[in-house]
Amino acid sequence: MSNSKAYTPLTPAVLYILMALADSEKHGYAIMKQVEADSESKVSMGPGTLYGSLKRMLEAGLVAESEKKIDPDMDDQRRIYYKITGAGKQALEAELERYRRVVSLTKRPASGVTT
């Protein structure tokens, strides 16, 4: 989809999964561990959330299954690796830009707002 704004706002699960896949392809368990690391253990993503989100993300074209195997001799052949797609990168960047705009609003002086 060419309109990256169509995917925003992203759910927290989708945002964290896209961030986890932004630098490299990963299998499910590695994605869960990356989310935990990225969130400084504030987000713990279980298999139901992860695989439900991945299914919807595959259908939306945000991620794709990869043929990549880190080390086929050491890796479980049933492991599916996922990679971010061009649409996923666009959606991630649009979401991060949305967050940047929100943060910039907090740095502006209040303009006539009273509490």
Protein backbone atom coordinates (compact mmCIF):
# COMPACT_ATOMS: atom_id res chain seq x y z
CA MET A 1 0.00 0.00 0.00
CA SER A 2 1.48 3.33 -0.97
CA ASN A 3 -0.22 5.35 1.74
CA SER A 4 1.79 4.56 4.86
CA LYS A 5 -0.59 6.62 7.01
CA ALA A 6 -3.24 3.98 6.38
CA TYR A 7 -1.48 1.77 8.93
CA THR A 8 -1.24 4.33 11.73
CA PRO A 9 -1.78 4.41 14.56
CA LEU A 10 -0.19 1.02 15.11
CA THR A 11 -1.04 -1.12 18.10
CA PRO A 12 1.79 -1.38 20.64
CA ALA A 13 2.33 -5.04 19.69
CA VAL A 14 2.67 -4.23 15.98
CA LEU A 15 4.97 -1.29 16.71
CA TYR A 16 7.31 -3.40 18.84
CA ILE A 17 7.33 -6.26 16.31
CA LEU A 18 8.19 -3.91 13.45
CA MET A 19 10.96 -2.34 15.54
CA ALA A 20 12.30 -5.82 16.36
CA LEU A 21 12.41 -6.71 12.66
CA ALA A 22 13.79 -3.36 11.45
CA ASP A 23 17.42 -4.41 11.69
CA SER A 24 17.24 -8.13 10.90
CA GLU A 25 15.02 -11.11 10.21
CA LYS A 26 14.00 -13.07 13.30
CA HIS A 27 11.97 -16.09 14.36
CA GLY A 28 9.12 -15.78 16.87
CA TYR A 29 11.06 -16.41 20.07
CA ALA A 30 13.78 -13.97 19.00
CA ILE A 31 11.11 -11.33 18.31
CA MET A 32 9.65 -11.84 21.82
CA LYS A 33 13.11 -11.49 23.39
CA GLN A 34 13.86 -8.37 21.31
CA VAL A 35 10.57 -6.76 22.37
CA GLU A 36 11.43 -7.48 25.99
CA ALA A 37 14.91 -5.95 25.54
CA ASP A 38 13.65 -2.91 23.59
CA SER A 39 11.01 -2.19 26.23
CA GLU A 40 13.47 -2.71 29.09
CA SER A 41 11.26 -5.60 30.31
CA LYS A 42 8.16 -3.37 30.49
CA VAL A 43 6.46 -5.31 27.68
CA SER A 44 6.24 -9.07 27.82
CA MET A 45 4.70 -10.43 24.64
CA GLY A 46 3.28 -13.92 24.85
CA PRO A 47 2.92 -16.34 21.96
CA GLY A 48 -0.79 -15.59 21.47
CA THR A 49 -0.22 -11.87 21.04
CA LEU A 50 2.88 -12.38 18.92
CA TYR A 51 1.49 -14.91 16.48
CA GLY A 52 -1.94 -13.27 16.29
CA SER A 53 -0.25 -9.97 15.45
CA LEU A 54 2.12 -11.60 12.96
CA LYS A 55 -0.83 -13.25 11.20
CA ARG A 56 -2.59 -9.90 10.79
CA MET A 57 0.69 -8.23 9.77
CA LEU A 58 1.30 -10.91 7.11
CA GLU A 59 -2.21 -10.34 5.75
CA ALA A 60 -1.63 -6.56 5.71
CA GLY A 61 1.72 -6.95 3.94
CA LEU A 62 3.73 -5.39 6.79
CA VAL A 63 5.89 -8.49 7.25
CA ALA A 64 6.68 -11.57 5.18
CA GLU A 65 7.99 -15.02 5.93
CA SER A 66 11.66 -15.40 5.12
CA GLU A 67 13.59 -18.37 3.83
CA LYS A 68 16.50 -17.37 6.06
CA LYS A 69 17.96 -19.88 8.48
CA ILE A 70 20.74 -18.68 10.75
CA ASP A 71 22.37 -22.11 10.96
CA PRO A 72 20.24 -24.95 9.61
CA ASP A 73 22.33 -27.51 11.53
CA MET A 74 21.67 -25.76 14.84
CA ASP A 75 18.23 -24.32 14.15
CA ASP A 76 14.89 -26.07 14.43
CA GLN A 77 13.69 -26.53 10.84
CA ARG A 78 10.13 -25.69 11.91
CA ARG A 79 11.13 -22.17 12.90
CA ILE A 80 9.65 -19.52 10.67
CA TYR A 81 11.67 -16.36 10.22
CA TYR A 82 9.94 -13.06 9.57
CA LYS A 83 11.17 -9.95 7.81
CA ILE A 84 9.82 -6.44 7.55
CA THR A 85 8.51 -5.45 4.10
CA GLY A 86 8.66 -2.10 2.34
CA ALA A 87 5.12 -1.40 3.53
CA GLY A 88 6.16 -2.36 7.05
CA LYS A 89 9.09 0.05 6.93
CA GLN A 90 6.78 2.82 5.71
CA ALA A 91 4.26 2.08 8.45
CA LEU A 92 6.98 2.05 11.11
CA GLU A 93 8.45 5.35 9.91
CA ALA A 94 4.99 6.95 9.76
CA GLU A 95 4.26 5.81 13.31
CA LEU A 96 7.61 7.03 14.61
CA GLU A 97 7.02 10.39 12.92
CA ARG A 98 3.59 10.56 14.57
CA TYR A 99 5.29 10.02 17.95
CA ARG A 100 7.89 12.70 17.14
CA ARG A 101 5.09 15.20 16.45
CA VAL A 102 3.36 14.32 19.71
CA VAL A 103 6.60 14.72 21.66
CA SER A 104 7.29 18.07 19.97
CA LEU A 105 3.87 19.30 21.11
CA THR A 106 4.83 18.67 24.71
CA LYS A 107 7.85 20.93 24.30
CA ARG A 108 5.83 23.93 23.11
CA PRO A 109 4.58 26.49 25.61
CA ALA A 110 0.88 26.19 26.38
CA SER A 111 -1.17 28.52 24.24
CA GLY A 112 -4.16 29.78 26.11
CA VAL A 113 -5.00 26.43 27.65
CA THR A 114 -6.27 26.71 31.19
CA THR A 115 -6.81 23.94 33.64
